[in-house]
């Protein structure tokens, strides 16, 4: 089911306790083209109304993944995940992980360090919740490691299906070998790139869908954008609901879903290594006009410490 218009009105049509996984990336209030810039207090107040509705539609064994970045005003950073936490906690929801999604590209800053991560708050509605760890395990770095004492001495100490992937999802070259999840953000050269300025990578949603829902369950994205969450859900035999107020984005979501079903959707496969420059590409080499300046700065620094 896919809808457009006001998200609160849409969610009110969804039956109580009917959704197993809510996963979304809400508007960050950063002045993007699709949102108005409002005060952080008003922003969180309005979001709390929706979150209360999401709590209502979530099944008792359901999960909610809320992926956010930072709100920045006059150069000051407000960590949205921290500010959101009391809203979920007031509803009795329980934070199971604060997942760090690290990526290699993003907006540059000149008066603070450039941001290269966002967070996913994973809440469950109750203490009994869907969690399929075996579906998202990664190969162990030392699969031959064995217990060195106790009743299991000499037996393999790990899990034959692999290792828990942890709560730190990093962009590295060898995803599975290095025990972290390789999830690039969607930029200009990403195969999934559309006109949406803050597009969810399908790969990011896949891991949450596999771990936090079962086949046949309903997955809901109240801010679906161009439909990445819906695609990740139907790829793995889940049922999907999405809402988006921008008609243009909703049209792209419908198109992408159609491309998925007819086998023509361009996407980045789960776990594919990220390209790393070898040093032979022109763009990865230091420009000649920078070399003298860098050398002068190195000599200057050396003199400061002698």
C-alpha atoms as a PDB file:
ATOM      1  CA  UNK A   1       0.000   0.000   0.000  1.00  0.00           C
ATOM      2  CA  UNK A   2       1.417   3.366  -1.006  1.00  0.00           C
ATOM      3  CA  UNK A   3      -0.130   6.749  -0.229  1.00  0.00           C
ATOM      4  CA  UNK A   4       0.465  10.486  -0.544  1.00  0.00           C
ATOM      5  CA  UNK A   5      -0.580  13.450   1.561  1.00  0.00           C
ATOM      6  CA  UNK A   6      -0.436  14.302   5.264  1.00  0.00           C
ATOM      7  CA  UNK A   7       1.405  11.568   7.152  1.00  0.00           C
ATOM      8  CA  UNK A   8      -0.664  11.847  10.348  1.00  0.00           C
ATOM      9  CA  UNK A   9      -3.930  11.466   8.432  1.00  0.00           C
ATOM     10  CA  UNK A  10      -2.519   8.479   6.601  1.00  0.00           C
ATOM     11  CA  UNK A  11      -1.311   6.698   9.737  1.00  0.00           C
ATOM     12  CA  UNK A  12      -4.715   7.107  11.379  1.00  0.00           C
ATOM     13  CA  UNK A  13      -6.093   4.721   8.735  1.00  0.00           C
ATOM     14  CA  UNK A  14      -3.749   1.903   9.780  1.00  0.00           C
ATOM     15  CA  UNK A  15      -5.219  -0.603  12.286  1.00  0.00           C
ATOM     16  CA  UNK A  16      -3.828  -0.964  15.800  1.00  0.00           C
ATOM     17  CA  UNK A  17      -0.921  -3.404  16.283  1.00  0.00           C
ATOM     18  CA  UNK A  18      -0.823  -4.335  12.593  1.00  0.00           C
ATOM     19  CA  UNK A  19       2.779  -3.383  11.700  1.00  0.00           C
ATOM     20  CA  UNK A  20       5.840  -5.399  12.761  1.00  0.00           C
ATOM     21  CA  UNK A  21       8.520  -2.946  11.667  1.00  0.00           C
ATOM     22  CA  UNK A  22       8.418   0.825  11.308  1.00  0.00           C
ATOM     23  CA  UNK A  23      11.564   2.113   9.644  1.00  0.00           C
ATOM     24  CA  UNK A  24      12.076   5.637   8.414  1.00  0.00           C
ATOM     25  CA  UNK A  25      14.319   8.649   8.128  1.00  0.00           C
ATOM     26  CA  UNK A  26      12.200  11.684   9.075  1.00  0.00           C
ATOM     27  CA  UNK A  27      12.839  15.171   7.697  1.00  0.00           C
ATOM     28  CA  UNK A  28      15.864  16.510   9.580  1.00  0.00           C
ATOM     29  CA  UNK A  29      14.718  20.129   9.702  1.00  0.00           C
ATOM     30  CA  UNK A  30      17.939  21.186   7.973  1.00  0.00           C
ATOM     31  CA  UNK A  31      16.363  23.452   5.383  1.00  0.00           C
ATOM     32  CA  UNK A  32      16.259  20.916   2.555  1.00  0.00           C
ATOM     33  CA  UNK A  33      14.066  21.721  -0.430  1.00  0.00           C
ATOM     34  CA  UNK A  34      11.219  19.519   0.805  1.00  0.00           C
ATOM     35  CA  UNK A  35      10.879  20.937   4.324  1.00  0.00           C
ATOM     36  CA  UNK A  36      10.453  24.243   6.119  1.00  0.00           C
ATOM     37  CA  UNK A  37      12.971  25.378   8.691  1.00  0.00           C
ATOM     38  CA  UNK A  38      11.233  25.612  12.057  1.00  0.00           C
ATOM     39  CA  UNK A  39      12.383  25.802  15.650  1.00  0.00           C
ATOM     40  CA  UNK A  40      13.744  22.590  17.108  1.00  0.00           C
ATOM     41  CA  UNK A  41      11.147  22.650  19.876  1.00  0.00           C
ATOM     42  CA  UNK A  42       8.233  22.933  17.455  1.00  0.00           C
ATOM     43  CA  UNK A  43       9.788  20.310  15.204  1.00  0.00           C
ATOM     44  CA  UNK A  44      10.052  17.743  17.995  1.00  0.00           C
ATOM     45  CA  UNK A  45       6.555  18.563  19.263  1.00  0.00           C
ATOM     46  CA  UNK A  46       5.074  17.869  15.837  1.00  0.00           C
ATOM     47  CA  UNK A  47       7.079  14.673  15.450  1.00  0.00           C
ATOM     48  CA  UNK A  48       5.880  13.429  18.847  1.00  0.00           C
ATOM     49  CA  UNK A  49       2.285  13.394  17.532  1.00  0.00           C
ATOM     50  CA  UNK A  50       3.286  11.056  14.709  1.00  0.00           C
ATOM     51  CA  UNK A  51       5.411   8.864  16.971  1.00  0.00           C
ATOM     52  CA  UNK A  52       2.409   8.318  19.251  1.00  0.00           C
ATOM     53  CA  UNK A  53       0.446   7.075  16.225  1.00  0.00           C
ATOM     54  CA  UNK A  54       3.322   4.817  15.180  1.00  0.00           C
ATOM     55  CA  UNK A  55       3.347   3.313  18.664  1.00  0.00           C
ATOM     56  CA  UNK A  56      -0.366   2.567  18.264  1.00  0.00           C
ATOM     57  CA  UNK A  57       0.007   0.716  14.945  1.00  0.00           C
ATOM     58  CA  UNK A  58       3.106  -1.229  16.062  1.00  0.00           C
ATOM     59  CA  UNK A  59       2.540  -4.859  17.036  1.00  0.00           C
ATOM     60  CA  UNK A  60       3.407  -5.887  20.583  1.00  0.00           C
ATOM     61  CA  UNK A  61       6.446  -7.800  19.263  1.00  0.00           C
ATOM     62  CA  UNK A  62       7.258  -5.036  16.780  1.00  0.00           C
ATOM     63  CA  UNK A  63      10.300  -2.834  16.272  1.00  0.00           C
ATOM     64  CA  UNK A  64      10.878   0.759  15.233  1.00  0.00           C
ATOM     65  CA  UNK A  65      14.010   2.109  13.541  1.00  0.00           C
ATOM     66  CA  UNK A  66      14.376   5.896  13.528  1.00  0.00           C
ATOM     67  CA  UNK A  67      17.336   7.054  11.431  1.00  0.00           C
ATOM     68  CA  UNK A  68      18.470  10.654  11.946  1.00  0.00           C
ATOM     69  CA  UNK A  69      21.372  13.000  11.491  1.00  0.00           C
ATOM     70  CA  UNK A  70      21.962  16.313  13.243  1.00  0.00           C
ATOM     71  CA  UNK A  71      20.055  19.590  13.365  1.00  0.00           C
ATOM     72  CA  UNK A  72      22.433  22.523  12.836  1.00  0.00           C
ATOM     73  CA  UNK A  73      21.548  26.117  13.709  1.00  0.00           C
ATOM     74  CA  UNK A  74      24.007  29.014  13.612  1.00  0.00           C
ATOM     75  CA  UNK A  75      26.874  26.544  13.523  1.00  0.00           C
ATOM     76  CA  UNK A  76      25.719  24.687  16.641  1.00  0.00           C
ATOM     77  CA  UNK A  77      24.938  20.956  16.401  1.00  0.00           C
ATOM     78  CA  UNK A  78      21.852  19.475  18.055  1.00  0.00           C
ATOM     79  CA  UNK A  79      22.049  15.642  18.154  1.00  0.00           C
ATOM     80  CA  UNK A  80      18.563  14.654  17.030  1.00  0.00           C
ATOM     81  CA  UNK A  81      18.791  11.077  18.271  1.00  0.00           C
ATOM     82  CA  UNK A  82      19.427  12.319  21.806  1.00  0.00           C
ATOM     83  CA  UNK A  83      16.571  14.815  21.571  1.00  0.00           C
ATOM     84  CA  UNK A  84      14.195  12.177  20.198  1.00  0.00           C
ATOM     85  CA  UNK A  85      14.944   9.618  22.903  1.00  0.00           C
ATOM     86  CA  UNK A  86      12.618  11.060  25.603  1.00  0.00           C
ATOM     87  CA  UNK A  87       9.694  11.031  23.154  1.00  0.00           C
ATOM     88  CA  UNK A  88       9.982   7.286  22.589  1.00  0.00           C
ATOM     89  CA  UNK A  89      10.786   6.591  26.246  1.00  0.00           C
ATOM     90  CA  UNK A  90       7.635   8.428  27.371  1.00  0.00           C
ATOM     91  CA  UNK A  91       5.615   5.885  25.361  1.00  0.00           C
ATOM     92  CA  UNK A  92       7.270   3.005  27.203  1.00  0.00           C
ATOM     93  CA  UNK A  93       9.429   1.947  24.253  1.00  0.00           C
ATOM     94  CA  UNK A  94      12.821   0.381  24.933  1.00  0.00           C
ATOM     95  CA  UNK A  95      16.021   1.289  23.139  1.00  0.00           C
ATOM     96  CA  UNK A  96      17.779  -1.893  22.008  1.00  0.00           C
ATOM     97  CA  UNK A  97      20.619  -0.331  20.022  1.00  0.00           C
ATOM     98  CA  UNK A  98      21.906   3.054  18.996  1.00  0.00           C
ATOM     99  CA  UNK A  99      23.433   2.050  15.676  1.00  0.00           C
ATOM    100  CA  UNK A 100      26.170   4.211  14.182  1.00  0.00           C
ATOM    101  CA  UNK A 101      26.083   4.378  10.387  1.00  0.00           C
ATOM    102  CA  UNK A 102      29.436   5.723   9.175  1.00  0.00           C
ATOM    103  CA  UNK A 103      29.953   6.776   5.581  1.00  0.00           C
ATOM    104  CA  UNK A 104      32.815   8.303   3.638  1.00  0.00           C
ATOM    105  CA  UNK A 105      31.149  11.233   1.915  1.00  0.00           C
ATOM    106  CA  UNK A 106      28.953  14.094   3.066  1.00  0.00           C
ATOM    107  CA  UNK A 107      28.773  17.851   3.534  1.00  0.00           C
ATOM    108  CA  UNK A 108      32.065  19.567   4.303  1.00  0.00           C
ATOM    109  CA  UNK A 109      32.474  22.003   7.180  1.00  0.00           C
ATOM    110  CA  UNK A 110      35.045  24.749   7.766  1.00  0.00           C
ATOM    111  CA  UNK A 111      34.352  25.726  11.402  1.00  0.00           C
ATOM    112  CA  UNK A 112      33.841  22.218  12.807  1.00  0.00           C
ATOM    113  CA  UNK A 113      34.749  18.668  11.787  1.00  0.00           C
ATOM    114  CA  UNK A 114      32.834  17.385   8.768  1.00  0.00           C
ATOM    115  CA  UNK A 115      30.003  15.034   9.714  1.00  0.00           C
ATOM    116  CA  UNK A 116      30.464  11.473   8.496  1.00  0.00           C
ATOM    117  CA  UNK A 117      27.911   9.471  10.472  1.00  0.00           C
ATOM    118  CA  UNK A 118      24.237   9.265  11.329  1.00  0.00           C
ATOM    119  CA  UNK A 119      22.420   7.115  13.853  1.00  0.00           C
ATOM    120  CA  UNK A 120      19.601   4.600  13.875  1.00  0.00           C
ATOM    121  CA  UNK A 121      17.627   4.327  17.099  1.00  0.00           C
ATOM    122  CA  UNK A 122      16.186   0.818  17.319  1.00  0.00           C
ATOM    123  CA  UNK A 123      13.304   0.595  19.770  1.00  0.00           C
ATOM    124  CA  UNK A 124      11.090  -2.347  20.623  1.00  0.00           C
ATOM    125  CA  UNK A 125       7.555  -1.922  21.890  1.00  0.00           C
ATOM    126  CA  UNK A 126       7.872  -4.622  24.561  1.00  0.00           C
ATOM    127  CA  UNK A 127      10.470  -7.040  25.931  1.00  0.00           C
ATOM    128  CA  UNK A 128       9.242  -9.706  23.498  1.00  0.00           C
ATOM    129  CA  UNK A 129      10.292  -8.558  20.048  1.00  0.00           C
ATOM    130  CA  UNK A 130      11.295  -9.979  16.677  1.00  0.00           C
ATOM    131  CA  UNK A 131      15.069 -10.320  16.323  1.00  0.00           C
ATOM    132  CA  UNK A 132      16.567 -12.656  13.712  1.00  0.00           C
ATOM    133  CA  UNK A 133      20.281 -12.390  14.457  1.00  0.00           C
ATOM    134  CA  UNK A 134      21.165 -15.438  12.354  1.00  0.00           C
ATOM    135  CA  UNK A 135      19.798 -13.731   9.230  1.00  0.00           C
ATOM    136  CA  UNK A 136      22.331 -10.901   9.449  1.00  0.00           C
ATOM    137  CA  UNK A 137      25.438 -12.541  10.921  1.00  0.00           C
ATOM    138  CA  UNK A 138      28.787 -11.782   9.285  1.00  0.00           C
ATOM    139  CA  UNK A 139      31.721 -14.197   8.905  1.00  0.00           C
ATOM    140  CA  UNK A 140      33.962 -14.319  11.974  1.00  0.00           C
ATOM    141  CA  UNK A 141      37.476 -12.928  11.697  1.00  0.00           C
ATOM    142  CA  UNK A 142      38.856 -15.922  13.635  1.00  0.00           C
ATOM    143  CA  UNK A 143      36.439 -18.799  13.009  1.00  0.00           C
ATOM    144  CA  UNK A 144      39.002 -21.307  14.296  1.00  0.00           C
ATOM    145  CA  UNK A 145      39.150 -19.766  17.765  1.00  0.00           C
ATOM    146  CA  UNK A 146      38.421 -22.308  20.528  1.00  0.00           C
ATOM    147  CA  UNK A 147      37.529 -22.281  24.220  1.00  0.00           C
ATOM    148  CA  UNK A 148      40.697 -22.566  26.314  1.00  0.00           C
ATOM    149  CA  UNK A 149      39.070 -23.662  29.580  1.00  0.00           C
ATOM    150  CA  UNK A 150      35.857 -24.934  31.106  1.00  0.00           C
ATOM    151  CA  UNK A 151      33.551 -27.743  29.958  1.00  0.00           C
ATOM    152  CA  UNK A 152      33.842 -26.637  26.308  1.00  0.00           C
ATOM    153  CA  UNK A 153      37.638 -26.555  26.302  1.00  0.00           C
ATOM    154  CA  UNK A 154      38.966 -27.312  22.829  1.00  0.00           C
ATOM    155  CA  UNK A 155      35.615 -26.729  21.097  1.00  0.00           C
ATOM    156  CA  UNK A 156      35.010 -23.819  18.669  1.00  0.00           C
ATOM    157  CA  UNK A 157      34.033 -20.730  20.662  1.00  0.00           C
ATOM    158  CA  UNK A 158      32.129 -18.892  17.920  1.00  0.00           C
ATOM    159  CA  UNK A 159      28.862 -19.469  16.110  1.00  0.00           C
ATOM    160  CA  UNK A 160      29.013 -21.630  12.946  1.00  0.00           C
ATOM    161  CA  UNK A 161      26.714 -19.124  11.193  1.00  0.00           C
ATOM    162  CA  UNK A 162      29.037 -16.197  11.875  1.00  0.00           C
ATOM    163  CA  UNK A 163      29.461 -13.246  14.207  1.00  0.00           C
ATOM    164  CA  UNK A 164      27.043 -10.633  15.512  1.00  0.00           C
ATOM    165  CA  UNK A 165      27.632  -7.606  13.219  1.00  0.00           C
ATOM    166  CA  UNK A 166      27.638  -5.142  16.173  1.00  0.00           C
ATOM    167  CA  UNK A 167      26.096  -1.679  16.316  1.00  0.00           C
ATOM    168  CA  UNK A 168      28.746   0.091  14.212  1.00  0.00           C
ATOM    169  CA  UNK A 169      28.125  -0.012  10.466  1.00  0.00           C
ATOM    170  CA  UNK A 170      31.169   1.299   8.653  1.00  0.00           C
ATOM    171  CA  UNK A 171      32.123   1.918   5.039  1.00  0.00           C
ATOM    172  CA  UNK A 172      35.215  -0.213   4.428  1.00  0.00           C
ATOM    173  CA  UNK A 173      36.702  -2.176   1.551  1.00  0.00           C
ATOM    174  CA  UNK A 174      36.210  -5.710   2.850  1.00  0.00           C
ATOM    175  CA  UNK A 175      32.796  -5.683   4.468  1.00  0.00           C
ATOM    176  CA  UNK A 176      32.313  -9.290   5.453  1.00  0.00           C
ATOM    177  CA  UNK A 177      35.953  -9.991   6.295  1.00  0.00           C
ATOM    178  CA  UNK A 178      36.274  -6.976   8.588  1.00  0.00           C
ATOM    179  CA  UNK A 179      33.075  -7.674  10.559  1.00  0.00           C
ATOM    180  CA  UNK A 180      31.370  -4.391   9.745  1.00  0.00           C
ATOM    181  CA  UNK A 181      28.542  -3.485   7.413  1.00  0.00           C
ATOM    182  CA  UNK A 182      29.387  -1.605   4.248  1.00  0.00           C
ATOM    183  CA  UNK A 183      26.576   0.885   3.569  1.00  0.00           C
ATOM    184  CA  UNK A 184      27.512   3.865   1.381  1.00  0.00           C
ATOM    185  CA  UNK A 185      25.189   6.849   1.383  1.00  0.00           C
ATOM    186  CA  UNK A 186      23.413   7.586  -1.908  1.00  0.00           C
ATOM    187  CA  UNK A 187      25.432  10.200  -3.770  1.00  0.00           C
ATOM    188  CA  UNK A 188      25.791  11.126  -7.438  1.00  0.00           C
ATOM    189  CA  UNK A 189      27.606   7.967  -8.575  1.00  0.00           C
ATOM    190  CA  UNK A 190      25.460   5.536  -6.556  1.00  0.00           C
ATOM    191  CA  UNK A 191      23.416   3.205  -8.818  1.00  0.00           C
ATOM    192  CA  UNK A 192      20.242   3.961  -6.824  1.00  0.00           C
ATOM    193  CA  UNK A 193      20.523   7.760  -7.056  1.00  0.00           C
ATOM    194  CA  UNK A 194      17.320   9.668  -7.903  1.00  0.00           C
ATOM    195  CA  UNK A 195      16.342  13.321  -7.497  1.00  0.00           C
ATOM    196  CA  UNK A 196      15.723  12.908  -3.753  1.00  0.00           C
ATOM    197  CA  UNK A 197      18.364  14.888  -1.769  1.00  0.00           C
ATOM    198  CA  UNK A 198      18.519  12.494   1.218  1.00  0.00           C
ATOM    199  CA  UNK A 199      17.779   9.065  -0.194  1.00  0.00           C
ATOM    200  CA  UNK A 200      17.811   5.902   1.911  1.00  0.00           C
ATOM    201  CA  UNK A 201      20.201   3.241   0.533  1.00  0.00           C
ATOM    202  CA  UNK A 202      18.229   0.012   0.061  1.00  0.00           C
ATOM    203  CA  UNK A 203      21.087  -1.914   1.652  1.00  0.00           C
ATOM    204  CA  UNK A 204      20.706  -0.053   4.952  1.00  0.00           C
ATOM    205  CA  UNK A 205      17.036  -1.017   5.192  1.00  0.00           C
ATOM    206  CA  UNK A 206      17.621  -4.634   4.141  1.00  0.00           C
ATOM    207  CA  UNK A 207      19.605  -5.458   7.255  1.00  0.00           C
ATOM    208  CA  UNK A 208      16.898  -4.010   9.503  1.00  0.00           C
ATOM    209  CA  UNK A 209      14.130  -5.794   7.568  1.00  0.00           C
ATOM    210  CA  UNK A 210      15.893  -9.154   7.791  1.00  0.00           C
ATOM    211  CA  UNK A 211      16.715  -8.841  11.486  1.00  0.00           C
ATOM    212  CA  UNK A 212      13.583  -7.147  12.822  1.00  0.00           C
ATOM    213  CA  UNK A 213      10.690  -8.673  10.876  1.00  0.00           C
ATOM    214  CA  UNK A 214       9.573 -12.024   9.465  1.00  0.00           C
ATOM    215  CA  UNK A 215       8.329 -13.036   6.049  1.00  0.00           C
ATOM    216  CA  UNK A 216       4.758 -11.914   5.526  1.00  0.00           C
ATOM    217  CA  UNK A 217       4.988  -9.123   8.133  1.00  0.00           C
ATOM    218  CA  UNK A 218       4.001  -5.533   7.401  1.00  0.00           C
ATOM    219  CA  UNK A 219       6.827  -2.970   7.160  1.00  0.00           C
ATOM    220  CA  UNK A 220       5.852   0.712   7.252  1.00  0.00           C
ATOM    221  CA  UNK A 221       7.797   3.832   6.260  1.00  0.00           C
ATOM    222  CA  UNK A 222       5.839   7.027   7.046  1.00  0.00           C
ATOM    223  CA  UNK A 223       8.389   9.180   5.176  1.00  0.00           C
ATOM    224  CA  UNK A 224       9.086   6.821   2.312  1.00  0.00           C
ATOM    225  CA  UNK A 225      10.639   9.331  -0.110  1.00  0.00           C
ATOM    226  CA  UNK A 226      11.423   7.412  -3.294  1.00  0.00           C
ATOM    227  CA  UNK A 227      10.518   4.044  -1.817  1.00  0.00           C
ATOM    228  CA  UNK A 228      13.786   2.426  -0.709  1.00  0.00           C
ATOM    229  CA  UNK A 229      12.217   0.940   2.437  1.00  0.00           C
ATOM    230  CA  UNK A 230       9.317  -0.535   0.498  1.00  0.00           C
ATOM    231  CA  UNK A 231      11.692  -2.080  -2.032  1.00  0.00           C
ATOM    232  CA  UNK A 232      13.837  -3.624   0.719  1.00  0.00           C
ATOM    233  CA  UNK A 233      10.710  -5.066   2.335  1.00  0.00           C
ATOM    234  CA  UNK A 234       9.191  -6.687  -0.769  1.00  0.00           C
ATOM    235  CA  UNK A 235      12.616  -8.009  -1.824  1.00  0.00           C
ATOM    236  CA  UNK A 236      12.551 -10.187   1.279  1.00  0.00           C
ATOM    237  CA  UNK A 237       8.917 -11.336   1.131  1.00  0.00           C
ATOM    238  CA  UNK A 238       7.492  -8.748   3.501  1.00  0.00           C
ATOM    239  CA  UNK A 239       4.418  -6.610   2.869  1.00  0.00           C
ATOM    240  CA  UNK A 240       5.030  -2.872   2.680  1.00  0.00           C
ATOM    241  CA  UNK A 241       3.198   0.366   3.469  1.00  0.00           C
ATOM    242  CA  UNK A 242       4.550   3.808   2.646  1.00  0.00           C
ATOM    243  CA  UNK A 243       3.454   7.424   2.790  1.00  0.00           C
ATOM    244  CA  UNK A 244       4.990  10.450   1.065  1.00  0.00           C
ATOM    245  CA  UNK A 245       3.616  13.993   0.789  1.00  0.00           C
ATOM    246  CA  UNK A 246       5.570  14.901  -2.365  1.00  0.00           C
ATOM    247  CA  UNK A 247       3.800  13.577  -5.456  1.00  0.00           C
ATOM    248  CA  UNK A 248       7.029  13.609  -7.458  1.00  0.00           C
ATOM    249  CA  UNK A 249       8.797  11.322  -5.004  1.00  0.00           C
ATOM    250  CA  UNK A 250       5.781   9.016  -4.735  1.00  0.00           C
ATOM    251  CA  UNK A 251       5.751   8.656  -8.521  1.00  0.00           C
ATOM    252  CA  UNK A 252       9.421   7.667  -8.479  1.00  0.00           C
ATOM    253  CA  UNK A 253       8.690   5.150  -5.713  1.00  0.00           C
ATOM    254  CA  UNK A 254       5.980   3.539  -7.849  1.00  0.00           C
ATOM    255  CA  UNK A 255       8.366   3.414 -10.795  1.00  0.00           C
ATOM    256  CA  UNK A 256      11.166   1.865  -8.750  1.00  0.00           C
ATOM    257  CA  UNK A 257       8.823  -0.770  -7.322  1.00  0.00           C
ATOM    258  CA  UNK A 258       7.698  -1.638 -10.844  1.00  0.00           C
ATOM    259  CA  UNK A 259      11.344  -1.921 -11.910  1.00  0.00           C
ATOM    260  CA  UNK A 260      12.010  -4.241  -8.986  1.00  0.00           C
ATOM    261  CA  UNK A 261       9.191  -6.559  -9.994  1.00  0.00           C
ATOM    262  CA  UNK A 262      10.236  -6.624 -13.659  1.00  0.00           C
ATOM    263  CA  UNK A 263      13.905  -7.098 -12.810  1.00  0.00           C
ATOM    264  CA  UNK A 264      15.298  -3.790 -14.120  1.00  0.00           C
ATOM    265  CA  UNK A 265      15.866  -1.901 -10.850  1.00  0.00           C
ATOM    266  CA  UNK A 266      19.399  -0.538 -10.464  1.00  0.00           C
ATOM    267  CA  UNK A 267      20.650  -1.136  -6.946  1.00  0.00           C
ATOM    268  CA  UNK A 268      23.755  -1.827  -4.932  1.00  0.00           C
ATOM    269  CA  UNK A 269      23.824  -5.476  -3.796  1.00  0.00           C
ATOM    270  CA  UNK A 270      24.048  -6.231  -0.091  1.00  0.00           C
ATOM    271  CA  UNK A 271      27.676  -6.494   1.038  1.00  0.00           C
ATOM    272  CA  UNK A 272      29.404  -5.349  -2.153  1.00  0.00           C
ATOM    273  CA  UNK A 273      32.837  -3.822  -1.347  1.00  0.00           C
ATOM    274  CA  UNK A 274      33.131  -0.070  -1.728  1.00  0.00           C
ATOM    275  CA  UNK A 275      35.529   1.214  -4.379  1.00  0.00           C
ATOM    276  CA  UNK A 276      38.736   2.554  -2.902  1.00  0.00           C
ATOM    277  CA  UNK A 277      41.133   4.739  -4.901  1.00  0.00           C
ATOM    278  CA  UNK A 278      44.353   2.987  -5.924  1.00  0.00           C
ATOM    279  CA  UNK A 279      46.376   6.157  -6.354  1.00  0.00           C
ATOM    280  CA  UNK A 280      46.486   5.800 -10.136  1.00  0.00           C
ATOM    281  CA  UNK A 281      43.303   7.802 -10.728  1.00  0.00           C
ATOM    282  CA  UNK A 282      43.897  11.496 -11.367  1.00  0.00           C
ATOM    283  CA  UNK A 283      41.328  12.559  -8.760  1.00  0.00           C
ATOM    284  CA  UNK A 284      43.137  10.588  -6.023  1.00  0.00           C
ATOM    285  CA  UNK A 285      46.506  12.249  -6.659  1.00  0.00           C
ATOM    286  CA  UNK A 286      47.746  15.409  -4.930  1.00  0.00           C
ATOM    287  CA  UNK A 287      47.588  18.392  -7.328  1.00  0.00           C
ATOM    288  CA  UNK A 288      51.019  19.734  -8.216  1.00  0.00           C
ATOM    289  CA  UNK A 289      50.080  23.220  -7.027  1.00  0.00           C
ATOM    290  CA  UNK A 290      49.398  21.836  -3.520  1.00  0.00           C
ATOM    291  CA  UNK A 291      52.683  19.993  -3.076  1.00  0.00           C
ATOM    292  CA  UNK A 292      54.859  23.000  -2.218  1.00  0.00           C
ATOM    293  CA  UNK A 293      52.297  24.335   0.246  1.00  0.00           C
ATOM    294  CA  UNK A 294      52.030  20.953   1.992  1.00  0.00           C
ATOM    295  CA  UNK A 295      55.824  20.649   2.205  1.00  0.00           C
ATOM    296  CA  UNK A 296      56.149  24.174   3.629  1.00  0.00           C
ATOM    297  CA  UNK A 297      53.538  23.384   6.286  1.00  0.00           C
ATOM    298  CA  UNK A 298      55.337  20.149   7.252  1.00  0.00           C
ATOM    299  CA  UNK A 299      58.636  22.018   7.649  1.00  0.00           C
ATOM    300  CA  UNK A 300      56.897  24.738   9.661  1.00  0.00           C
ATOM    301  CA  UNK A 301      55.318  22.152  11.974  1.00  0.00           C
ATOM    302  CA  UNK A 302      58.647  20.411  12.444  1.00  0.00           C
ATOM    303  CA  UNK A 303      60.245  23.699  13.477  1.00  0.00           C
ATOM    304  CA  UNK A 304      57.523  24.350  16.053  1.00  0.00           C
ATOM    305  CA  UNK A 305      58.391  21.142  17.927  1.00  0.00           C
ATOM    306  CA  UNK A 306      62.196  21.424  17.813  1.00  0.00           C
END
